[in-house]
Amino acid sequence: MQPSGFNISEPSIDTYILVVNGKPEGPYSIDELKARKVKPGDFVRNGAMDDYKEAHEVAELRQLFGFKKQALPLQYFGSFDQRAIAAVLDWLIVSAGFVFIAFAAMLIIPDKFIRAVVTIAIIALIPIAKIIYNTKMESGPKQGTYGKQLLGIRVCDIYGEQVSLSKALSRNLAKYVSTLTLFIGYLMCFFNKKQQCLHDLMADTLVIKGRLDG
């Protein structure tokens, strides 16, 4: 999101807006960025980017300027309450369809025993469906489930980039470890600077929120 209150030309794919002292300037070419001695932590945006990124997050600038990729600043991390509310919303979203099917099965199947078995089997599928739902959406372009999207947070690796399908799956399977610790694994986010739960630490992932929001 572009900082408000400033009128500047829209950059092309080959030029960048540079934020200096909180004010966007440019657009500048690569040579002009070099002349201005752009630093890894400076915010930039070109015509192909939807939002500003720190210079070290842009592959082209890392290659040209020799920047090393850095971990995200602390203020970007999603809070425990955001994550908890998102989780509740996601459980409701995933469970709704299965509860409807189970209710329909109870009305259609006349035999009480078969009806109970089918209903239990349908309900038992919810945790599996939740893992598939989380894994697919967290590894997708939105980097988060519908619940996370509503709360403005997303899952990423320690550099803020989209996670692979396998990493998203390992993160969601590791949640069972966090649960088996009597939920201490979830509370660990209060005791580390990156607000990572146990399953985040195991999968080497973060939950972050939006940046430069107005």
Protein backbone atom coordinates (compact mmCIF):
# COMPACT_ATOMS: atom_id res chain seq x y z
CA MET A 1 0.00 0.00 0.00
CA GLN A 2 1.37 3.38 -1.00
CA PRO A 3 1.92 5.85 1.89
CA SER A 4 -0.88 8.41 1.81
CA GLY A 5 -0.52 12.12 1.29
CA PHE A 6 2.07 12.06 -1.55
CA ASN A 7 1.55 12.35 -5.30
CA ILE A 8 4.27 10.60 -7.27
CA SER A 9 4.48 8.96 -10.67
CA GLU A 10 3.68 5.26 -10.87
CA PRO A 11 6.92 3.27 -11.35
CA SER A 12 7.51 0.94 -14.27
CA ILE A 13 8.75 -2.64 -13.94
CA ASP A 14 12.33 -1.37 -14.26
CA THR A 15 12.09 1.59 -11.86
CA TYR A 16 11.47 1.82 -8.13
CA ILE A 17 9.80 4.16 -5.67
CA LEU A 18 12.10 4.60 -2.67
CA VAL A 19 10.80 5.57 0.78
CA VAL A 20 13.12 8.11 2.39
CA ASN A 21 12.35 9.33 5.93
CA GLY A 22 8.81 8.04 5.55
CA LYS A 23 8.22 9.81 2.21
CA PRO A 24 8.09 8.06 -1.18
CA GLU A 25 10.47 9.45 -3.79
CA GLY A 26 11.13 8.60 -7.41
CA PRO A 27 10.66 6.54 -9.43
CA TYR A 28 14.36 5.77 -9.71
CA SER A 29 16.32 3.53 -12.05
CA ILE A 30 18.72 0.90 -10.71
CA ASP A 31 21.67 3.25 -11.34
CA GLU A 32 19.90 6.02 -9.43
CA LEU A 33 19.25 3.66 -6.52
CA LYS A 34 22.95 2.85 -6.47
CA ALA A 35 23.77 6.56 -6.42
CA ARG A 36 21.44 7.01 -3.48
CA LYS A 37 23.16 4.13 -1.69
CA VAL A 38 19.97 2.20 -1.04
CA LYS A 39 20.23 0.00 2.08
CA PRO A 40 18.81 -3.50 2.68
CA GLY A 41 16.13 -2.16 5.04
CA ASP A 42 14.90 0.64 2.75
CA PHE A 43 11.36 0.22 1.43
CA VAL A 44 10.96 0.07 -2.35
CA ARG A 45 8.25 -0.74 -4.90
CA ASN A 46 8.24 -1.16 -8.66
CA GLY A 47 5.38 -1.37 -11.15
CA ALA A 48 5.05 -5.13 -10.75
CA MET A 49 4.68 -5.04 -6.95
CA ASP A 50 1.36 -4.61 -5.11
CA ASP A 51 3.01 -3.39 -1.91
CA TYR A 52 6.29 -2.00 -0.64
CA LYS A 53 9.05 -4.40 0.34
CA GLU A 54 12.39 -3.96 2.00
CA ALA A 55 15.19 -3.92 -0.57
CA HIS A 56 16.67 -7.20 0.70
CA GLU A 57 13.34 -8.93 -0.02
CA VAL A 58 13.54 -8.12 -3.76
CA ALA A 59 15.56 -10.77 -5.62
CA GLU A 60 16.79 -8.36 -8.30
CA LEU A 61 18.15 -5.88 -5.76
CA ARG A 62 19.75 -8.63 -3.67
CA GLN A 63 21.61 -9.84 -6.74
CA LEU A 64 22.69 -6.40 -7.95
CA PHE A 65 23.62 -4.88 -4.60
CA GLY A 66 24.87 -8.01 -2.82
CA PHE A 67 22.27 -7.78 -0.06
CA LYS A 68 21.75 -10.74 2.26
CA LYS A 69 18.22 -11.79 2.92
CA GLN A 70 17.20 -10.87 6.46
CA ALA A 71 14.56 -12.05 8.89
CA LEU A 72 11.47 -9.88 9.23
CA PRO A 73 11.35 -7.00 11.73
CA LEU A 74 9.49 -7.78 14.95
CA GLN A 75 6.54 -5.46 14.38
CA TYR A 76 5.33 -7.55 11.47
CA PHE A 77 4.32 -10.63 13.46
CA GLY A 78 0.69 -11.65 14.01
CA SER A 79 -0.54 -11.61 17.61
CA PHE A 80 -1.92 -14.55 19.57
CA ASP A 81 -5.47 -13.17 19.60
CA GLN A 82 -5.46 -12.67 15.82
CA ARG A 83 -4.31 -16.24 15.31
CA ALA A 84 -6.82 -17.63 17.82
CA ILE A 85 -9.78 -15.81 16.25
CA ALA A 86 -8.68 -16.90 12.78
CA ALA A 87 -8.46 -20.52 13.96
CA VAL A 88 -11.99 -20.41 15.40
CA LEU A 89 -13.34 -18.97 12.14
CA ASP A 90 -11.57 -21.66 10.11
CA TRP A 91 -12.89 -24.47 12.30
CA LEU A 92 -16.42 -23.08 11.84
CA ILE A 93 -15.95 -22.82 8.06
CA VAL A 94 -14.63 -26.37 7.67
CA SER A 95 -17.04 -27.92 10.17
CA ALA A 96 -20.18 -26.34 8.72
CA GLY A 97 -20.33 -28.56 5.64
CA PHE A 98 -19.66 -31.77 7.55
CA VAL A 99 -22.24 -30.96 10.22
CA PHE A 100 -24.83 -30.36 7.50
CA ILE A 101 -24.01 -33.72 5.87
CA ALA A 102 -24.15 -35.49 9.24
CA PHE A 103 -27.52 -33.92 10.01
CA ALA A 104 -28.83 -34.98 6.60
CA ALA A 105 -27.58 -38.55 7.22
CA MET A 106 -29.45 -38.66 10.52
CA LEU A 107 -32.68 -37.77 8.71
CA ILE A 108 -32.23 -40.12 5.78
CA ILE A 109 -30.86 -43.32 7.38
CA PRO A 110 -33.57 -45.18 9.30
CA ASP A 111 -31.40 -47.67 11.21
CA LYS A 112 -30.18 -46.09 14.45
CA PHE A 113 -26.89 -48.01 14.63
CA ILE A 114 -25.90 -47.34 11.00
CA ARG A 115 -26.98 -43.74 11.40
CA ALA A 116 -24.73 -43.32 14.43
CA VAL A 117 -21.76 -44.96 12.70
CA VAL A 118 -22.13 -42.81 9.58
CA THR A 119 -22.55 -39.65 11.63
CA ILE A 120 -19.45 -40.37 13.72
CA ALA A 121 -17.45 -41.20 10.58
CA ILE A 122 -18.48 -37.93 8.94
CA ILE A 123 -17.58 -35.87 12.01
CA ALA A 124 -14.24 -37.71 12.33
CA LEU A 125 -13.28 -36.45 8.88
CA ILE A 126 -13.32 -32.81 10.04
CA PRO A 127 -9.74 -32.73 11.43
CA ILE A 128 -8.41 -34.31 8.22
CA ALA A 129 -10.32 -31.82 6.10
CA LYS A 130 -8.98 -29.00 8.29
CA ILE A 131 -5.37 -30.05 7.63
CA ILE A 132 -6.01 -30.21 3.87
CA TYR A 133 -7.78 -26.83 3.93
CA ASN A 134 -5.01 -25.15 5.96
CA THR A 135 -2.20 -26.70 3.93
CA LYS A 136 -3.69 -25.79 0.56
CA MET A 137 -4.53 -22.20 1.46
CA GLU A 138 -1.40 -21.39 3.46
CA SER A 139 0.80 -22.57 0.60
CA GLY A 140 -1.31 -20.69 -1.96
CA PRO A 141 -0.92 -17.13 -3.27
CA LYS A 142 -2.95 -15.63 -0.39
CA GLN A 143 -0.68 -17.44 2.13
CA GLY A 144 -3.54 -17.88 4.56
CA THR A 145 -6.91 -19.43 5.25
CA TYR A 146 -10.12 -17.41 5.02
CA GLY A 147 -9.92 -16.81 8.75
CA LYS A 148 -6.36 -15.48 8.50
CA GLN A 149 -7.29 -13.33 5.51
CA LEU A 150 -10.14 -11.74 7.48
CA LEU A 151 -7.74 -10.98 10.34
CA GLY A 152 -5.06 -9.59 8.00
CA ILE A 153 -2.38 -12.19 8.78
CA ARG A 154 -0.60 -14.80 6.68
CA VAL A 155 1.84 -17.71 6.96
CA CYS A 156 5.34 -17.37 5.51
CA ASP A 157 8.89 -18.59 5.91
CA ILE A 158 11.37 -16.66 8.06
CA TYR A 159 12.02 -14.30 5.13
CA GLY A 160 8.37 -13.43 4.61
CA GLU A 161 7.95 -15.49 1.45
CA GLN A 162 5.31 -18.02 0.43
CA VAL A 163 5.78 -21.49 1.91
CA SER A 164 5.79 -24.68 -0.12
CA LEU A 165 3.03 -27.27 0.07
CA SER A 166 5.31 -29.62 2.05
CA LYS A 167 6.28 -26.92 4.55
CA ALA A 168 2.63 -25.95 5.04
CA LEU A 169 1.74 -29.61 5.60
CA SER A 170 4.56 -30.12 8.12
CA ARG A 171 3.45 -26.98 9.98
CA ASN A 172 -0.14 -28.18 10.26
CA LEU A 173 0.84 -31.71 11.29
CA ALA A 174 3.13 -30.21 13.93
CA LYS A 175 0.09 -28.53 15.48
CA TYR A 176 -0.77 -31.93 16.95
CA VAL A 177 2.53 -31.76 18.84
CA SER A 178 1.56 -28.31 20.14
CA THR A 179 -1.77 -29.77 21.24
CA LEU A 180 -0.23 -32.85 22.90
CA THR A 181 1.86 -30.54 25.11
CA LEU A 182 -1.44 -29.53 26.75
CA PHE A 183 -1.45 -26.45 24.51
CA ILE A 184 1.84 -25.21 25.96
CA GLY A 185 3.14 -25.33 22.39
CA TYR A 186 0.64 -22.63 21.47
CA LEU A 187 1.48 -20.50 24.49
CA MET A 188 5.16 -20.50 23.51
CA CYS A 189 4.37 -17.55 21.22
CA PHE A 190 4.31 -15.34 24.34
CA PHE A 191 7.91 -16.23 25.17
CA ASN A 192 9.82 -15.58 21.94
CA LYS A 193 10.39 -12.39 19.98
CA LYS A 194 8.97 -13.72 16.72
CA GLN A 195 5.75 -14.91 18.43
CA GLN A 196 6.21 -18.43 17.08
CA CYS A 197 4.24 -21.35 18.47
CA LEU A 198 5.95 -24.73 18.78
CA HIS A 199 4.67 -25.85 15.38
CA ASP A 200 6.06 -22.66 13.82
CA LEU A 201 9.47 -23.38 15.32
CA MET A 202 9.35 -26.97 14.11
CA ALA A 203 8.41 -25.97 10.55
CA ASP A 204 10.56 -22.81 10.49
CA THR A 205 7.58 -20.59 9.68
CA LEU A 206 6.12 -17.30 10.87
CA VAL A 207 2.69 -15.70 10.99
CA ILE A 208 2.93 -12.06 9.94
CA LYS A 209 0.57 -9.16 9.43
CA GLY A 210 0.35 -6.41 6.83
CA ARG A 211 2.87 -3.61 6.55
CA LEU A 212 2.74 0.07 5.70
CA ASP A 213 -1.02 0.20 6.26
CA GLY A 214 -1.74 3.88 5.81
